Amino acid sequence: MNVELTKFRVKEGKSAKVDEWLAFLNDNMKDVLVTLEGEKMYVETIFRESLDCVEYLYWYSIQGEGGQEVETSTHWIDEKHMAFWHECIDSTFPPVDLPAAVIMIPSDIKEGMK
C-alpha cells in the first residue's frame, strides 16, 4: 500500500483552467470512480493552495500495489484528465513528496486495501 502527498505547481495563468479541470472531475465522478478501481486507488484527494501569488495542487492518495498507471489508461476520463494535467501542471517545478510521519488506518479497513 502506498500513501502519498505530493505538491505540484500550477503554470502561471492557468488558474481558470484548473477551475475547469476540478469541475470536470467533480461533474464526472461516476466515471472517475470507475477508473480508480483499475488503479487500485482507494483514496485520491486533490487540494488547492495559493502562496505568494503562486498556485499549487496537492495530491493525497492511498493506493494498493499493482494497479494500472493513469498515464497508460485509455479510458476517456483519464485521457481528458491527463490533457488538463499537461496544460496546467508546471513540469519545470519538481514535484515535492511530503513524507508520511504517521499512517492511521484501522486494520480491518487496511486488510480490504490489498
C-alpha atoms as a PDB file:
ATOM      1  CA  MET A   1       0.000   0.000   0.000  1.00  0.00           C
ATOM      2  CA  ASN A   2       1.299   3.458  -0.945  1.00  0.00           C
ATOM      3  CA  VAL A   3       0.229   6.556   0.980  1.00  0.00           C
ATOM      4  CA  GLU A   4       1.365   9.744  -0.727  1.00  0.00           C
ATOM      5  CA  LEU A   5       1.005  13.501  -0.571  1.00  0.00           C
ATOM      6  CA  THR A   6       2.659  15.347  -3.455  1.00  0.00           C
ATOM      7  CA  LYS A   7       2.783  19.056  -4.270  1.00  0.00           C
ATOM      8  CA  PHE A   8       2.706  20.294  -7.884  1.00  0.00           C
ATOM      9  CA  ARG A   9       2.982  23.874  -9.114  1.00  0.00           C
ATOM     10  CA  VAL A  10       0.341  25.201 -11.496  1.00  0.00           C
ATOM     11  CA  LYS A  11       1.562  27.053 -14.577  1.00  0.00           C
ATOM     12  CA  GLU A  12       1.160  30.800 -14.384  1.00  0.00           C
ATOM     13  CA  GLY A  13      -2.125  31.969 -15.892  1.00  0.00           C
ATOM     14  CA  LYS A  14      -3.799  28.537 -15.686  1.00  0.00           C
ATOM     15  CA  SER A  15      -5.993  29.092 -12.620  1.00  0.00           C
ATOM     16  CA  ALA A  16      -9.202  29.294 -14.684  1.00  0.00           C
ATOM     17  CA  LYS A  17      -8.230  26.077 -16.493  1.00  0.00           C
ATOM     18  CA  VAL A  18      -7.669  24.421 -13.089  1.00  0.00           C
ATOM     19  CA  ASP A  19     -11.195  25.545 -12.125  1.00  0.00           C
ATOM     20  CA  GLU A  20     -12.445  23.815 -15.280  1.00  0.00           C
ATOM     21  CA  TRP A  21     -10.362  20.684 -14.555  1.00  0.00           C
ATOM     22  CA  LEU A  22     -11.603  20.265 -10.998  1.00  0.00           C
ATOM     23  CA  ALA A  23     -15.204  20.928 -12.074  1.00  0.00           C
ATOM     24  CA  PHE A  24     -14.763  18.301 -14.807  1.00  0.00           C
ATOM     25  CA  LEU A  25     -13.625  15.716 -12.252  1.00  0.00           C
ATOM     26  CA  ASN A  26     -16.482  16.571  -9.873  1.00  0.00           C
ATOM     27  CA  ASP A  27     -19.060  16.568 -12.671  1.00  0.00           C
ATOM     28  CA  ASN A  28     -17.890  13.162 -13.936  1.00  0.00           C
ATOM     29  CA  MET A  29     -17.295  11.480 -10.580  1.00  0.00           C
ATOM     30  CA  LYS A  30     -19.125   8.281 -11.535  1.00  0.00           C
ATOM     31  CA  ASP A  31     -16.638   7.656 -14.374  1.00  0.00           C
ATOM     32  CA  VAL A  32     -13.698   8.872 -12.268  1.00  0.00           C
ATOM     33  CA  LEU A  33     -14.501   6.269  -9.621  1.00  0.00           C
ATOM     34  CA  VAL A  34     -14.598   3.520 -12.258  1.00  0.00           C
ATOM     35  CA  THR A  35     -11.035   4.351 -13.320  1.00  0.00           C
ATOM     36  CA  LEU A  36      -9.825   4.384  -9.711  1.00  0.00           C
ATOM     37  CA  GLU A  37     -10.761   0.717  -9.346  1.00  0.00           C
ATOM     38  CA  GLY A  38      -8.312  -0.326 -12.067  1.00  0.00           C
ATOM     39  CA  GLU A  39      -5.601   1.801 -10.490  1.00  0.00           C
ATOM     40  CA  LYS A  40      -6.248   0.175  -7.088  1.00  0.00           C
ATOM     41  CA  MET A  41      -6.673   3.734  -5.861  1.00  0.00           C
ATOM     42  CA  TYR A  42      -8.601   3.598  -2.597  1.00  0.00           C
ATOM     43  CA  VAL A  43      -8.472   7.313  -1.807  1.00  0.00           C
ATOM     44  CA  GLU A  44      -7.477  10.204  -4.037  1.00  0.00           C
ATOM     45  CA  THR A  45      -7.986  13.796  -2.985  1.00  0.00           C
ATOM     46  CA  ILE A  46      -6.813  16.999  -4.657  1.00  0.00           C
ATOM     47  CA  PHE A  47      -6.115  20.054  -2.517  1.00  0.00           C
ATOM     48  CA  ARG A  48      -5.538  23.547  -3.868  1.00  0.00           C
ATOM     49  CA  GLU A  49      -3.456  26.355  -2.386  1.00  0.00           C
ATOM     50  CA  SER A  50      -2.103  29.743  -3.399  1.00  0.00           C
ATOM     51  CA  LEU A  51       1.086  31.014  -1.735  1.00  0.00           C
ATOM     52  CA  ASP A  52       2.681  34.348  -2.649  1.00  0.00           C
ATOM     53  CA  CYS A  53       0.594  34.507  -5.852  1.00  0.00           C
ATOM     54  CA  VAL A  54       1.719  31.022  -6.955  1.00  0.00           C
ATOM     55  CA  GLU A  55      -0.873  28.264  -7.167  1.00  0.00           C
ATOM     56  CA  TYR A  56      -0.230  24.663  -6.147  1.00  0.00           C
ATOM     57  CA  LEU A  57      -2.208  21.436  -6.293  1.00  0.00           C
ATOM     58  CA  TYR A  58      -1.592  18.662  -3.795  1.00  0.00           C
ATOM     59  CA  TRP A  59      -2.493  15.030  -4.468  1.00  0.00           C
ATOM     60  CA  TYR A  60      -3.181  12.828  -1.459  1.00  0.00           C
ATOM     61  CA  SER A  61      -3.663   9.164  -2.235  1.00  0.00           C
ATOM     62  CA  ILE A  62      -3.844   5.699  -0.772  1.00  0.00           C
ATOM     63  CA  GLN A  63      -3.163   3.115  -3.439  1.00  0.00           C
ATOM     64  CA  GLY A  64      -2.747  -0.646  -3.462  1.00  0.00           C
ATOM     65  CA  GLU A  65       0.095  -2.426  -5.209  1.00  0.00           C
ATOM     66  CA  GLY A  66      -0.016  -3.372  -8.887  1.00  0.00           C
ATOM     67  CA  GLY A  67      -2.709  -1.012 -10.139  1.00  0.00           C
ATOM     68  CA  GLN A  68      -2.804   0.449 -13.634  1.00  0.00           C
ATOM     69  CA  GLU A  69      -0.940   3.720 -14.116  1.00  0.00           C
ATOM     70  CA  VAL A  70      -3.202   6.618 -15.100  1.00  0.00           C
ATOM     71  CA  GLU A  71      -0.690   7.590 -17.804  1.00  0.00           C
ATOM     72  CA  THR A  72      -1.281   4.303 -19.660  1.00  0.00           C
ATOM     73  CA  SER A  73      -5.063   4.267 -19.347  1.00  0.00           C
ATOM     74  CA  THR A  74      -7.166   4.562 -22.499  1.00  0.00           C
ATOM     75  CA  HIS A  75     -10.361   5.429 -20.591  1.00  0.00           C
ATOM     76  CA  TRP A  76     -11.755   8.736 -21.878  1.00  0.00           C
ATOM     77  CA  ILE A  77     -11.856  10.277 -18.400  1.00  0.00           C
ATOM     78  CA  ASP A  78      -8.156   9.552 -17.825  1.00  0.00           C
ATOM     79  CA  GLU A  79      -7.209  10.878 -21.245  1.00  0.00           C
ATOM     80  CA  LYS A  80      -9.059  14.141 -20.531  1.00  0.00           C
ATOM     81  CA  HIS A  81      -7.564  14.272 -17.026  1.00  0.00           C
ATOM     82  CA  MET A  82      -4.039  13.902 -18.446  1.00  0.00           C
ATOM     83  CA  ALA A  83      -4.728  16.594 -21.061  1.00  0.00           C
ATOM     84  CA  PHE A  84      -5.657  19.002 -18.238  1.00  0.00           C
ATOM     85  CA  TRP A  85      -2.546  17.854 -16.350  1.00  0.00           C
ATOM     86  CA  HIS A  86      -0.210  18.663 -19.244  1.00  0.00           C
ATOM     87  CA  GLU A  87      -1.869  22.029 -19.789  1.00  0.00           C
ATOM     88  CA  CYS A  88      -1.899  23.085 -16.129  1.00  0.00           C
ATOM     89  CA  ILE A  89       0.987  21.478 -14.215  1.00  0.00           C
ATOM     90  CA  ASP A  90       4.380  23.183 -14.405  1.00  0.00           C
ATOM     91  CA  SER A  91       6.855  20.449 -15.358  1.00  0.00           C
ATOM     92  CA  THR A  92       9.816  22.771 -14.640  1.00  0.00           C
ATOM     93  CA  PHE A  93       8.966  22.646 -10.921  1.00  0.00           C
ATOM     94  CA  PRO A  94       9.954  19.287  -9.433  1.00  0.00           C
ATOM     95  CA  PRO A  95       7.057  17.642  -7.562  1.00  0.00           C
ATOM     96  CA  VAL A  96       7.505  17.695  -3.803  1.00  0.00           C
ATOM     97  CA  ASP A  97       6.669  14.474  -1.951  1.00  0.00           C
ATOM     98  CA  LEU A  98       5.795  15.122   1.660  1.00  0.00           C
ATOM     99  CA  PRO A  99       6.835  12.212   3.900  1.00  0.00           C
ATOM    100  CA  ALA A 100       4.176  10.408   5.888  1.00  0.00           C
ATOM    101  CA  ALA A 101       5.016  10.588   9.584  1.00  0.00           C
ATOM    102  CA  VAL A 102       2.090   8.506  10.858  1.00  0.00           C
ATOM    103  CA  ILE A 103      -0.442   6.431   8.912  1.00  0.00           C
ATOM    104  CA  MET A 104      -3.643   5.736  10.831  1.00  0.00           C
ATOM    105  CA  ILE A 105      -5.834   3.165   9.129  1.00  0.00           C
ATOM    106  CA  PRO A 106      -7.794   0.633  11.167  1.00  0.00           C
ATOM    107  CA  SER A 107      -6.595  -2.907  10.456  1.00  0.00           C
ATOM    108  CA  ASP A 108      -9.975  -4.126   9.149  1.00  0.00           C
ATOM    109  CA  ILE A 109     -10.010  -1.346   6.547  1.00  0.00           C
ATOM    110  CA  LYS A 110      -6.329  -1.865   5.744  1.00  0.00           C
ATOM    111  CA  GLU A 111      -6.980  -5.559   5.091  1.00  0.00           C
ATOM    112  CA  GLY A 112      -9.519  -4.623   2.417  1.00  0.00           C
ATOM    113  CA  MET A 113      -6.910  -2.438   0.679  1.00  0.00           C
ATOM    114  CA  LYS A 114      -4.685  -5.247  -0.515  1.00  0.00           C
END
